Amino acid sequence: MALENNLLNKVSTSDILRLMEKLGIPETSVRYGNDCLIFPTICHNTIDNDPSHKLYYYESSKRFYCYTNCKAMSVYEFIINSYQARGIKMPFSQAYMILDSLVNDRLKHG
């Protein structure tokens, strides 16, 4: 658990935006709130289903909250749910590797 939390401490807003882009949500469709980013609910929908903007990422807690269906999620749970909505089974270790890759890429390239 310490390893997972250590990585979460390094996650930046730009990492979340890059994650969402990787999942098919361009930055142009992101809405900005007070201490949060608001996205389409791809945690239980595909982008083709025209999901509502009720998925919030709270920057201070580094957690997602889906106000439609999924409720509170860690970044890892969000990744797993998003792939599962596309019919892809994703183990925690692979969700960790996706996030780790995004964070390390940013840290290497500034």
PDB file of N, CA and C in Angstrom:
ATOM      1  N   MET A   1       0.816  -1.197   0.000  1.00  0.00           N
ATOM      2  CA  MET A   1       0.000   0.000   0.000  1.00  0.00           C
ATOM      3  C   MET A   1       0.862   1.264   0.000  1.00  0.00           C
ATOM      4  N   ALA A   2       1.995   1.206   0.673  1.00  0.00           N
ATOM      5  CA  ALA A   2       2.882   2.369   0.733  1.00  0.00           C
ATOM      6  C   ALA A   2       3.366   2.753  -0.660  1.00  0.00           C
ATOM      7  N   LEU A   3       3.669   1.769  -1.490  1.00  0.00           N
ATOM      8  CA  LEU A   3       4.123   2.024  -2.855  1.00  0.00           C
ATOM      9  C   LEU A   3       3.042   2.741  -3.662  1.00  0.00           C
ATOM     10  N   GLU A   4       1.796   2.283  -3.519  1.00  0.00           N
ATOM     11  CA  GLU A   4       0.686   2.896  -4.241  1.00  0.00           C
ATOM     12  C   GLU A   4       0.464   4.335  -3.787  1.00  0.00           C
ATOM     13  N   ASN A   5       0.532   4.568  -2.485  1.00  0.00           N
ATOM     14  CA  ASN A   5       0.345   5.918  -1.955  1.00  0.00           C
ATOM     15  C   ASN A   5       1.490   6.835  -2.338  1.00  0.00           C
ATOM     16  N   ASN A   6       2.700   6.304  -2.379  1.00  0.00           N
ATOM     17  CA  ASN A   6       3.859   7.087  -2.788  1.00  0.00           C
ATOM     18  C   ASN A   6       3.678   7.595  -4.225  1.00  0.00           C
ATOM     19  N   LEU A   7       3.194   6.738  -5.097  1.00  0.00           N
ATOM     20  CA  LEU A   7       2.953   7.150  -6.476  1.00  0.00           C
ATOM     21  C   LEU A   7       1.844   8.198  -6.530  1.00  0.00           C
ATOM     22  N   LEU A   8       0.767   7.997  -5.787  1.00  0.00           N
ATOM     23  CA  LEU A   8      -0.333   8.971  -5.784  1.00  0.00           C
ATOM     24  C   LEU A   8       0.132  10.348  -5.326  1.00  0.00           C
ATOM     25  N   ASN A   9       1.076  10.388  -4.401  1.00  0.00           N
ATOM     26  CA  ASN A   9       1.606  11.675  -3.933  1.00  0.00           C
ATOM     27  C   ASN A   9       2.313  12.435  -5.051  1.00  0.00           C
ATOM     28  N   LYS A  10       2.787  11.736  -6.058  1.00  0.00           N
ATOM     29  CA  LYS A  10       3.487  12.361  -7.182  1.00  0.00           C
ATOM     30  C   LYS A  10       2.556  12.755  -8.325  1.00  0.00           C
ATOM     31  N   VAL A  11       1.319  12.285  -8.296  1.00  0.00           N
ATOM     32  CA  VAL A  11       0.377  12.542  -9.394  1.00  0.00           C
ATOM     33  C   VAL A  11       0.035  14.026  -9.452  1.00  0.00           C
ATOM     34  N   SER A  12       0.144  14.582 -10.665  1.00  0.00           N
ATOM     35  CA  SER A  12      -0.209  15.983 -10.877  1.00  0.00           C
ATOM     36  C   SER A  12      -1.494  16.058 -11.705  1.00  0.00           C
ATOM     37  N   THR A  13      -2.048  17.246 -11.769  1.00  0.00           N
ATOM     38  CA  THR A  13      -3.237  17.468 -12.594  1.00  0.00           C
ATOM     39  C   THR A  13      -2.933  17.156 -14.056  1.00  0.00           C
ATOM     40  N   SER A  14      -1.741  17.497 -14.506  1.00  0.00           N
ATOM     41  CA  SER A  14      -1.388  17.192 -15.910  1.00  0.00           C
ATOM     42  C   SER A  14      -1.332  15.686 -16.150  1.00  0.00           C
ATOM     43  N   ASP A  15      -0.952  14.899 -15.140  1.00  0.00           N
ATOM     44  CA  ASP A  15      -0.962  13.436 -15.284  1.00  0.00           C
ATOM     45  C   ASP A  15      -2.396  12.938 -15.466  1.00  0.00           C
ATOM     46  N   ILE A  16      -3.335  13.500 -14.716  1.00  0.00           N
ATOM     47  CA  ILE A  16      -4.743  13.097 -14.838  1.00  0.00           C
ATOM     48  C   ILE A  16      -5.281  13.487 -16.204  1.00  0.00           C
ATOM     49  N   LEU A  17      -4.922  14.670 -16.681  1.00  0.00           N
ATOM     50  CA  LEU A  17      -5.369  15.092 -18.018  1.00  0.00           C
ATOM     51  C   LEU A  17      -4.802  14.168 -19.099  1.00  0.00           C
ATOM     52  N   ARG A  18      -3.551  13.751 -18.952  1.00  0.00           N
ATOM     53  CA  ARG A  18      -2.950  12.820 -19.919  1.00  0.00           C
ATOM     54  C   ARG A  18      -3.590  11.442 -19.824  1.00  0.00           C
ATOM     55  N   LEU A  19      -3.931  11.009 -18.617  1.00  0.00           N
ATOM     56  CA  LEU A  19      -4.629   9.737 -18.438  1.00  0.00           C
ATOM     57  C   LEU A  19      -5.967   9.782 -19.165  1.00  0.00           C
ATOM     58  N   MET A  20      -6.706  10.859 -18.964  1.00  0.00           N
ATOM     59  CA  MET A  20      -8.019  10.971 -19.599  1.00  0.00           C
ATOM     60  C   MET A  20      -7.897  11.000 -21.119  1.00  0.00           C
ATOM     61  N   GLU A  21      -6.871  11.679 -21.618  1.00  0.00           N
ATOM     62  CA  GLU A  21      -6.655  11.700 -23.060  1.00  0.00           C
ATOM     63  C   GLU A  21      -6.357  10.295 -23.571  1.00  0.00           C
ATOM     64  N   LYS A  22      -5.576   9.550 -22.823  1.00  0.00           N
ATOM     65  CA  LYS A  22      -5.278   8.157 -23.165  1.00  0.00           C
ATOM     66  C   LYS A  22      -6.566   7.327 -23.219  1.00  0.00           C
ATOM     67  N   LEU A  23      -7.548   7.698 -22.396  1.00  0.00           N
ATOM     68  CA  LEU A  23      -8.822   6.987 -22.343  1.00  0.00           C
ATOM     69  C   LEU A  23      -9.862   7.571 -23.310  1.00  0.00           C
ATOM     70  N   GLY A  24      -9.440   8.536 -24.125  1.00  0.00           N
ATOM     71  CA  GLY A  24     -10.322   9.070 -25.166  1.00  0.00           C
ATOM     72  C   GLY A  24     -11.027  10.364 -24.840  1.00  0.00           C
ATOM     73  N   ILE A  25     -10.661  11.017 -23.735  1.00  0.00           N
ATOM     74  CA  ILE A  25     -11.279  12.288 -23.354  1.00  0.00           C
ATOM     75  C   ILE A  25     -10.274  13.415 -23.611  1.00  0.00           C
ATOM     76  N   PRO A  26     -10.478  14.205 -24.660  1.00  0.00           N
ATOM     77  CA  PRO A  26      -9.543  15.304 -24.929  1.00  0.00           C
ATOM     78  C   PRO A  26      -9.687  16.419 -23.900  1.00  0.00           C
ATOM     79  N   GLU A  27      -8.617  17.161 -23.702  1.00  0.00           N
ATOM     80  CA  GLU A  27      -8.639  18.236 -22.713  1.00  0.00           C
ATOM     81  C   GLU A  27      -9.712  19.274 -23.041  1.00  0.00           C
ATOM     82  N   THR A  28     -10.063  19.394 -24.302  1.00  0.00           N
ATOM     83  CA  THR A  28     -11.087  20.366 -24.698  1.00  0.00           C
ATOM     84  C   THR A  28     -12.464  20.041 -24.126  1.00  0.00           C
ATOM     85  N   SER A  29     -12.687  18.806 -23.718  1.00  0.00           N
ATOM     86  CA  SER A  29     -14.001  18.454 -23.156  1.00  0.00           C
ATOM     87  C   SER A  29     -14.008  18.474 -21.623  1.00  0.00           C
ATOM     88  N   VAL A  30     -12.897  18.881 -21.020  1.00  0.00           N
ATOM     89  CA  VAL A  30     -12.797  18.957 -19.564  1.00  0.00           C
ATOM     90  C   VAL A  30     -13.409  20.269 -19.089  1.00  0.00           C
ATOM     91  N   ARG A  31     -14.169  20.198 -18.022  1.00  0.00           N
ATOM     92  CA  ARG A  31     -14.696  21.398 -17.367  1.00  0.00           C
ATOM     93  C   ARG A  31     -13.918  21.590 -16.078  1.00  0.00           C
ATOM     94  N   TYR A  32     -13.681  22.830 -15.741  1.00  0.00           N
ATOM     95  CA  TYR A  32     -12.889  23.138 -14.545  1.00  0.00           C
ATOM     96  C   TYR A  32     -13.784  23.719 -13.466  1.00  0.00           C
ATOM     97  N   GLY A  33     -13.701  23.127 -12.283  1.00  0.00           N
ATOM     98  CA  GLY A  33     -14.455  23.606 -11.130  1.00  0.00           C
ATOM     99  C   GLY A  33     -13.507  24.098 -10.063  1.00  0.00           C
ATOM    100  N   ASN A  34     -14.028  24.352  -8.898  1.00  0.00           N
ATOM    101  CA  ASN A  34     -13.221  24.782  -7.774  1.00  0.00           C
ATOM    102  C   ASN A  34     -12.546  23.547  -7.164  1.00  0.00           C
ATOM    103  N   ASP A  35     -11.228  23.423  -7.312  1.00  0.00           N
ATOM    104  CA  ASP A  35     -10.453  22.281  -6.829  1.00  0.00           C
ATOM    105  C   ASP A  35     -10.832  20.971  -7.521  1.00  0.00           C
ATOM    106  N   CYS A  36     -11.418  21.047  -8.713  1.00  0.00           N
ATOM    107  CA  CYS A  36     -11.765  19.791  -9.381  1.00  0.00           C
ATOM    108  C   CYS A  36     -11.767  19.940 -10.897  1.00  0.00           C
ATOM    109  N   LEU A  37     -11.606  18.798 -11.525  1.00  0.00           N
ATOM    110  CA  LEU A  37     -11.762  18.670 -12.972  1.00  0.00           C
ATOM    111  C   LEU A  37     -13.017  17.835 -13.175  1.00  0.00           C
ATOM    112  N   ILE A  38     -13.802  18.183 -14.179  1.00  0.00           N
ATOM    113  CA  ILE A  38     -15.063  17.479 -14.406  1.00  0.00           C
ATOM    114  C   ILE A  38     -15.021  16.843 -15.792  1.00  0.00           C
ATOM    115  N   PHE A  39     -15.294  15.537 -15.825  1.00  0.00           N
ATOM    116  CA  PHE A  39     -15.175  14.748 -17.048  1.00  0.00           C
ATOM    117  C   PHE A  39     -16.476  14.012 -17.354  1.00  0.00           C
ATOM    118  N   PRO A  40     -16.585  13.508 -18.584  1.00  0.00           N
ATOM    119  CA  PRO A  40     -17.677  12.566 -18.877  1.00  0.00           C
ATOM    120  C   PRO A  40     -17.493  11.296 -18.047  1.00  0.00           C
ATOM    121  N   THR A  41     -18.573  10.643 -17.715  1.00  0.00           N
ATOM    122  CA  THR A  41     -18.526   9.460 -16.838  1.00  0.00           C
ATOM    123  C   THR A  41     -18.089   8.207 -17.593  1.00  0.00           C
ATOM    124  N   ILE A  42     -16.820   8.199 -18.000  1.00  0.00           N
ATOM    125  CA  ILE A  42     -16.294   7.033 -18.719  1.00  0.00           C
ATOM    126  C   ILE A  42     -15.927   5.898 -17.773  1.00  0.00           C
ATOM    127  N   CYS A  43     -16.152   6.090 -16.484  1.00  0.00           N
ATOM    128  CA  CYS A  43     -15.896   5.028 -15.506  1.00  0.00           C
ATOM    129  C   CYS A  43     -16.926   3.905 -15.635  1.00  0.00           C
ATOM    130  N   HIS A  44     -18.074   4.189 -16.245  1.00  0.00           N
ATOM    131  CA  HIS A  44     -19.081   3.141 -16.456  1.00  0.00           C
ATOM    132  C   HIS A  44     -19.763   3.270 -17.821  1.00  0.00           C
ATOM    133  N   ASN A  45     -19.268   4.153 -18.660  1.00  0.00           N
ATOM    134  CA  ASN A  45     -19.780   4.353 -20.018  1.00  0.00           C
ATOM    135  C   ASN A  45     -18.625   4.363 -21.008  1.00  0.00           C
ATOM    136  N   THR A  46     -18.938   4.127 -22.256  1.00  0.00           N
ATOM    137  CA  THR A  46     -17.956   4.401 -23.291  1.00  0.00           C
ATOM    138  C   THR A  46     -18.227   5.804 -23.797  1.00  0.00           C
ATOM    139  N   ILE A  47     -17.250   6.418 -24.394  1.00  0.00           N
ATOM    140  CA  ILE A  47     -17.403   7.770 -24.894  1.00  0.00           C
ATOM    141  C   ILE A  47     -18.464   7.819 -25.999  1.00  0.00           C
ATOM    142  N   ASP A  48     -18.659   6.705 -26.705  1.00  0.00           N
ATOM    143  CA  ASP A  48     -19.667   6.620 -27.772  1.00  0.00           C
ATOM    144  C   ASP A  48     -21.090   6.774 -27.238  1.00  0.00           C
ATOM    145  N   ASN A  49     -21.301   6.479 -25.959  1.00  0.00           N
ATOM    146  CA  ASN A  49     -22.634   6.567 -25.357  1.00  0.00           C
ATOM    147  C   ASN A  49     -22.970   7.974 -24.876  1.00  0.00           C
ATOM    148  N   ASP A  50     -22.128   8.957 -25.232  1.00  0.00           N
ATOM    149  CA  ASP A  50     -22.351  10.354 -24.864  1.00  0.00           C
ATOM    150  C   ASP A  50     -22.610  10.506 -23.359  1.00  0.00           C
ATOM    151  N   PRO A  51     -21.634  10.121 -22.527  1.00  0.00           N
ATOM    152  CA  PRO A  51     -21.831  10.179 -21.073  1.00  0.00           C
ATOM    153  C   PRO A  51     -21.949  11.613 -20.561  1.00  0.00           C
ATOM    154  N   SER A  52     -22.649  11.771 -19.447  1.00  0.00           N
ATOM    155  CA  SER A  52     -22.808  13.088 -18.829  1.00  0.00           C
ATOM    156  C   SER A  52     -21.516  13.498 -18.121  1.00  0.00           C
ATOM    157  N   HIS A  53     -21.356  14.786 -17.883  1.00  0.00           N
ATOM    158  CA  HIS A  53     -20.195  15.309 -17.163  1.00  0.00           C
ATOM    159  C   HIS A  53     -20.486  15.283 -15.662  1.00  0.00           C
ATOM    160  N   LYS A  54     -20.422  14.087 -15.091  1.00  0.00           N
ATOM    161  CA  LYS A  54     -20.666  13.947 -13.656  1.00  0.00           C
ATOM    162  C   LYS A  54     -19.563  13.152 -12.961  1.00  0.00           C
ATOM    163  N   LEU A  55     -18.387  13.106 -13.595  1.00  0.00           N
ATOM    164  CA  LEU A  55     -17.216  12.460 -13.012  1.00  0.00           C
ATOM    165  C   LEU A  55     -16.253  13.560 -12.592  1.00  0.00           C
ATOM    166  N   TYR A  56     -16.037  13.673 -11.300  1.00  0.00           N
ATOM    167  CA  TYR A  56     -15.198  14.739 -10.763  1.00  0.00           C
ATOM    168  C   TYR A  56     -13.882  14.148 -10.261  1.00  0.00           C
ATOM    169  N   TYR A  57     -12.801  14.850 -10.568  1.00  0.00           N
ATOM    170  CA  TYR A  57     -11.502  14.519  -9.987  1.00  0.00           C
ATOM    171  C   TYR A  57     -11.148  15.666  -9.059  1.00  0.00           C
ATOM    172  N   TYR A  58     -11.039  15.358  -7.761  1.00  0.00           N
ATOM    173  CA  TYR A  58     -10.728  16.379  -6.770  1.00  0.00           C
ATOM    174  C   TYR A  58      -9.215  16.440  -6.574  1.00  0.00           C
ATOM    175  N   GLU A  59      -8.642  17.582  -6.934  1.00  0.00           N
ATOM    176  CA  GLU A  59      -7.185  17.733  -6.920  1.00  0.00           C
ATOM    177  C   GLU A  59      -6.594  17.636  -5.516  1.00  0.00           C
ATOM    178  N   SER A  60      -7.285  18.146  -4.506  1.00  0.00           N
ATOM    179  CA  SER A  60      -6.718  18.132  -3.150  1.00  0.00           C
ATOM    180  C   SER A  60      -6.649  16.720  -2.570  1.00  0.00           C
ATOM    181  N   SER A  61      -7.650  15.889  -2.854  1.00  0.00           N
ATOM    182  CA  SER A  61      -7.654  14.526  -2.305  1.00  0.00           C
ATOM    183  C   SER A  61      -7.107  13.498  -3.294  1.00  0.00           C
ATOM    184  N   LYS A  62      -6.951  13.904  -4.554  1.00  0.00           N
ATOM    185  CA  LYS A  62      -6.481  13.019  -5.628  1.00  0.00           C
ATOM    186  C   LYS A  62      -7.377  11.785  -5.750  1.00  0.00           C
ATOM    187  N   ARG A  63      -8.702  12.051  -5.716  1.00  0.00           N
ATOM    188  CA  ARG A  63      -9.697  10.986  -5.837  1.00  0.00           C
ATOM    189  C   ARG A  63     -10.764  11.399  -6.841  1.00  0.00           C
ATOM    190  N   PHE A  64     -11.343  10.391  -7.460  1.00  0.00           N
ATOM    191  CA  PHE A  64     -12.462  10.597  -8.369  1.00  0.00           C
ATOM    192  C   PHE A  64     -13.766  10.373  -7.616  1.00  0.00           C
ATOM    193  N   TYR A  65     -14.822  11.048  -8.085  1.00  0.00           N
ATOM    194  CA  TYR A  65     -16.163  10.786  -7.579  1.00  0.00           C
ATOM    195  C   TYR A  65     -17.124  10.842  -8.756  1.00  0.00           C
ATOM    196  N   CYS A  66     -17.834   9.747  -8.977  1.00  0.00           N
ATOM    197  CA  CYS A  66     -18.834   9.664 -10.036  1.00  0.00           C
ATOM    198  C   CYS A  66     -20.191   9.898  -9.392  1.00  0.00           C
ATOM    199  N   TYR A  67     -20.825  11.003  -9.780  1.00  0.00           N
ATOM    200  CA  TYR A  67     -22.113  11.368  -9.191  1.00  0.00           C
ATOM    201  C   TYR A  67     -23.279  10.653  -9.869  1.00  0.00           C
ATOM    202  N   THR A  68     -22.989   9.810 -10.848  1.00  0.00           N
ATOM    203  CA  THR A  68     -24.038   9.049 -11.519  1.00  0.00           C
ATOM    204  C   THR A  68     -24.162   7.640 -10.973  1.00  0.00           C
ATOM    205  N   ASN A  69     -23.021   6.942 -10.825  1.00  0.00           N
ATOM    206  CA  ASN A  69     -23.090   5.513 -10.569  1.00  0.00           C
ATOM    207  C   ASN A  69     -22.017   4.976  -9.626  1.00  0.00           C
ATOM    208  N   CYS A  70     -20.771   5.268  -9.878  1.00  0.00           N
ATOM    209  CA  CYS A  70     -19.655   4.574  -9.231  1.00  0.00           C
ATOM    210  C   CYS A  70     -19.287   5.078  -7.835  1.00  0.00           C
ATOM    211  N   LYS A  71     -19.635   6.301  -7.526  1.00  0.00           N
ATOM    212  CA  LYS A  71     -19.321   6.947  -6.240  1.00  0.00           C
ATOM    213  C   LYS A  71     -17.821   7.225  -6.121  1.00  0.00           C
ATOM    214  N   ALA A  72     -17.235   7.151  -4.909  1.00  0.00           N
ATOM    215  CA  ALA A  72     -15.833   7.499  -4.682  1.00  0.00           C
ATOM    216  C   ALA A  72     -14.905   6.406  -5.212  1.00  0.00           C
ATOM    217  N   MET A  73     -13.817   6.850  -5.859  1.00  0.00           N
ATOM    218  CA  MET A  73     -12.833   5.909  -6.413  1.00  0.00           C
ATOM    219  C   MET A  73     -11.430   6.490  -6.279  1.00  0.00           C
ATOM    220  N   SER A  74     -10.478   5.619  -6.013  1.00  0.00           N
ATOM    221  CA  SER A  74      -9.081   6.022  -6.135  1.00  0.00           C
ATOM    222  C   SER A  74      -8.769   6.133  -7.623  1.00  0.00           C
ATOM    223  N   VAL A  75      -7.635   6.697  -7.945  1.00  0.00           N
ATOM    224  CA  VAL A  75      -7.228   6.777  -9.350  1.00  0.00           C
ATOM    225  C   VAL A  75      -7.112   5.369  -9.924  1.00  0.00           C
ATOM    226  N   TYR A  76      -6.596   4.439  -9.138  1.00  0.00           N
ATOM    227  CA  TYR A  76      -6.449   3.056  -9.602  1.00  0.00           C
ATOM    228  C   TYR A  76      -7.813   2.420  -9.899  1.00  0.00           C
ATOM    229  N   GLU A  77      -8.764   2.607  -8.981  1.00  0.00           N
ATOM    230  CA  GLU A  77     -10.110   2.060  -9.199  1.00  0.00           C
ATOM    231  C   GLU A  77     -10.752   2.677 -10.440  1.00  0.00           C
ATOM    232  N   PHE A  78     -10.508   3.971 -10.639  1.00  0.00           N
ATOM    233  CA  PHE A  78     -11.046   4.631 -11.822  1.00  0.00           C
ATOM    234  C   PHE A  78     -10.486   3.994 -13.093  1.00  0.00           C
ATOM    235  N   ILE A  79      -9.184   3.770 -13.137  1.00  0.00           N
ATOM    236  CA  ILE A  79      -8.561   3.154 -14.318  1.00  0.00           C
ATOM    237  C   ILE A  79      -9.177   1.779 -14.570  1.00  0.00           C
ATOM    238  N   ILE A  80      -9.279   0.982 -13.534  1.00  0.00           N
ATOM    239  CA  ILE A  80      -9.853  -0.371 -13.657  1.00  0.00           C
ATOM    240  C   ILE A  80     -11.287  -0.294 -14.167  1.00  0.00           C
ATOM    241  N   ASN A  81     -12.107   0.573 -13.577  1.00  0.00           N
ATOM    242  CA  ASN A  81     -13.503   0.713 -14.005  1.00  0.00           C
ATOM    243  C   ASN A  81     -13.617   1.180 -15.447  1.00  0.00           C
ATOM    244  N   SER A  82     -12.765   2.125 -15.844  1.00  0.00           N
ATOM    245  CA  SER A  82     -12.818   2.661 -17.204  1.00  0.00           C
ATOM    246  C   SER A  82     -12.518   1.594 -18.243  1.00  0.00           C
ATOM    247  N   TYR A  83     -11.542   0.763 -17.958  1.00  0.00           N
ATOM    248  CA  TYR A  83     -11.237  -0.324 -18.891  1.00  0.00           C
ATOM    249  C   TYR A  83     -12.334  -1.380 -18.863  1.00  0.00           C
ATOM    250  N   GLN A  84     -12.870  -1.640 -17.692  1.00  0.00           N
ATOM    251  CA  GLN A  84     -13.949  -2.619 -17.561  1.00  0.00           C
ATOM    252  C   GLN A  84     -15.185  -2.172 -18.359  1.00  0.00           C
ATOM    253  N   ALA A  85     -15.465  -0.867 -18.401  1.00  0.00           N
ATOM    254  CA  ALA A  85     -16.589  -0.336 -19.181  1.00  0.00           C
ATOM    255  C   ALA A  85     -16.406  -0.612 -20.674  1.00  0.00           C
ATOM    256  N   ARG A  86     -15.162  -0.845 -21.079  1.00  0.00           N
ATOM    257  CA  ARG A  86     -14.837  -1.172 -22.474  1.00  0.00           C
ATOM    258  C   ARG A  86     -14.695  -2.671 -22.698  1.00  0.00           C
ATOM    259  N   GLY A  87     -15.004  -3.443 -21.663  1.00  0.00           N
ATOM    260  CA  GLY A  87     -14.925  -4.898 -21.771  1.00  0.00           C
ATOM    261  C   GLY A  87     -13.535  -5.465 -21.572  1.00  0.00           C
ATOM    262  N   ILE A  88     -12.646  -4.680 -20.974  1.00  0.00           N
ATOM    263  CA  ILE A  88     -11.259  -5.115 -20.760  1.00  0.00           C
ATOM    264  C   ILE A  88     -11.023  -5.313 -19.268  1.00  0.00           C
ATOM    265  N   LYS A  89     -10.672  -6.530 -18.896  1.00  0.00           N
ATOM    266  CA  LYS A  89     -10.386  -6.827 -17.485  1.00  0.00           C
ATOM    267  C   LYS A  89      -8.974  -6.335 -17.179  1.00  0.00           C
ATOM    268  N   MET A  90      -8.862  -5.547 -16.134  1.00  0.00           N
ATOM    269  CA  MET A  90      -7.579  -4.949 -15.786  1.00  0.00           C
ATOM    270  C   MET A  90      -7.250  -5.230 -14.327  1.00  0.00           C
ATOM    271  N   PRO A  91      -6.143  -5.918 -14.061  1.00  0.00           N
ATOM    272  CA  PRO A  91      -5.733  -6.129 -12.669  1.00  0.00           C
ATOM    273  C   PRO A  91      -5.151  -4.841 -12.085  1.00  0.00           C
ATOM    274  N   PHE A  92      -5.152  -4.751 -10.773  1.00  0.00           N
ATOM    275  CA  PHE A  92      -4.613  -3.582 -10.090  1.00  0.00           C
ATOM    276  C   PHE A  92      -3.179  -3.292 -10.534  1.00  0.00           C
ATOM    277  N   SER A  93      -2.374  -4.343 -10.672  1.00  0.00           N
ATOM    278  CA  SER A  93      -0.961  -4.147 -11.027  1.00  0.00           C
ATOM    279  C   SER A  93      -0.816  -3.433 -12.375  1.00  0.00           C
ATOM    280  N   GLN A  94      -1.693  -3.719 -13.301  1.00  0.00           N
ATOM    281  CA  GLN A  94      -1.622  -3.056 -14.605  1.00  0.00           C
ATOM    282  C   GLN A  94      -2.098  -1.601 -14.500  1.00  0.00           C
ATOM    283  N   ALA A  95      -3.109  -1.332 -13.692  1.00  0.00           N
ATOM    284  CA  ALA A  95      -3.556   0.045 -13.460  1.00  0.00           C
ATOM    285  C   ALA A  95      -2.418   0.853 -12.823  1.00  0.00           C
ATOM    286  N   TYR A  96      -1.712   0.236 -11.894  1.00  0.00           N
ATOM    287  CA  TYR A  96      -0.564   0.887 -11.263  1.00  0.00           C
ATOM    288  C   TYR A  96       0.491   1.225 -12.314  1.00  0.00           C
ATOM    289  N   MET A  97       0.777   0.277 -13.197  1.00  0.00           N
ATOM    290  CA  MET A  97       1.802   0.495 -14.223  1.00  0.00           C
ATOM    291  C   MET A  97       1.414   1.623 -15.178  1.00  0.00           C
ATOM    292  N   ILE A  98       0.144   1.743 -15.519  1.00  0.00           N
ATOM    293  CA  ILE A  98      -0.318   2.827 -16.395  1.00  0.00           C
ATOM    294  C   ILE A  98      -0.060   4.174 -15.725  1.00  0.00           C
ATOM    295  N   LEU A  99      -0.452   4.293 -14.475  1.00  0.00           N
ATOM    296  CA  LEU A  99      -0.255   5.552 -13.759  1.00  0.00           C
ATOM    297  C   LEU A  99       1.228   5.836 -13.545  1.00  0.00           C
ATOM    298  N   ASP A 100       1.986   4.830 -13.178  1.00  0.00           N
ATOM    299  CA  ASP A 100       3.424   4.973 -12.967  1.00  0.00           C
ATOM    300  C   ASP A 100       4.115   5.463 -14.240  1.00  0.00           C
ATOM    301  N   SER A 101       3.725   4.932 -15.372  1.00  0.00           N
ATOM    302  CA  SER A 101       4.302   5.331 -16.654  1.00  0.00           C
ATOM    303  C   SER A 101       4.020   6.805 -16.953  1.00  0.00           C
ATOM    304  N   LEU A 102       2.801   7.249 -16.705  1.00  0.00           N
ATOM    305  CA  LEU A 102       2.453   8.652 -16.942  1.00  0.00           C
ATOM    306  C   LEU A 102       3.251   9.594 -16.043  1.00  0.00           C
ATOM    307  N   VAL A 103       3.337   9.249 -14.761  1.00  0.00           N
ATOM    308  CA  VAL A 103       4.054  10.095 -13.808  1.00  0.00           C
ATOM    309  C   VAL A 103       5.538  10.128 -14.141  1.00  0.00           C
ATOM    310  N   ASN A 104       6.130   8.974 -14.391  1.00  0.00           N
ATOM    311  CA  ASN A 104       7.568   8.931 -14.689  1.00  0.00           C
ATOM    312  C   ASN A 104       7.900   9.627 -15.988  1.00  0.00           C
ATOM    313  N   ASP A 105       7.020   9.539 -16.980  1.00  0.00           N
ATOM    314  CA  ASP A 105       7.242  10.249 -18.243  1.00  0.00           C
ATOM    315  C   ASP A 105       7.278  11.749 -18.000  1.00  0.00           C
ATOM    316  N   ARG A 106       6.363  12.258 -17.196  1.00  0.00           N
ATOM    317  CA  ARG A 106       6.352  13.695 -16.882  1.00  0.00           C
ATOM    318  C   ARG A 106       7.605  14.091 -16.111  1.00  0.00           C
ATOM    319  N   LEU A 107       8.007  13.273 -15.135  1.00  0.00           N
ATOM    320  CA  LEU A 107       9.178  13.599 -14.321  1.00  0.00           C
ATOM    321  C   LEU A 107      10.471  13.591 -15.148  1.00  0.00           C
ATOM    322  N   LYS A 108      10.551  12.685 -16.123  1.00  0.00           N
ATOM    323  CA  LYS A 108      11.740  12.607 -16.983  1.00  0.00           C
ATOM    324  C   LYS A 108      11.825  13.777 -17.957  1.00  0.00           C
ATOM    325  N   HIS A 109      10.673  14.154 -18.512  1.00  0.00           N
ATOM    326  CA  HIS A 109      10.658  15.158 -19.582  1.00  0.00           C
ATOM    327  C   HIS A 109      10.228  16.543 -19.112  1.00  0.00           C
ATOM    328  N   GLY A 110      10.015  16.666 -17.818  1.00  0.00           N
ATOM    329  CA  GLY A 110       9.669  17.973 -17.252  1.00  0.00           C
ATOM    330  C   GLY A 110       8.350  18.410 -17.592  1.00  0.00           C
TER     331      GLY A 110
END
